Amino acid sequence: MAKKVKKRSTNAPAAVVAKTETATPKAAASRTPTAEFDPDYSFVKKDLKRIGILAGSFFVVLVVLSFFLR
């Protein structure tokens, strides 16, 4: 097998522009303090409860079948 040749990449230093920007009051004013993140996860709770009940019932069925199939 031939040796793998790795190509070296040279990173040229990019021109860095030093800008000092102050926070503009326009950006701060665009946020409203009354807007809150309040998602509704009731459907997720229902799905998780249903998955738990199904998993538990399957487990019980497996245990019961293990006694009958011995």
Foldseek 3Di string as FASTA:
>chain_A
DDDDDDDDDDDDDDDDDDDDDDDDVVVVVVDDPVDDDDDDCPVVVVVVVVVVVVVVVVVVVVVVVVVVVD
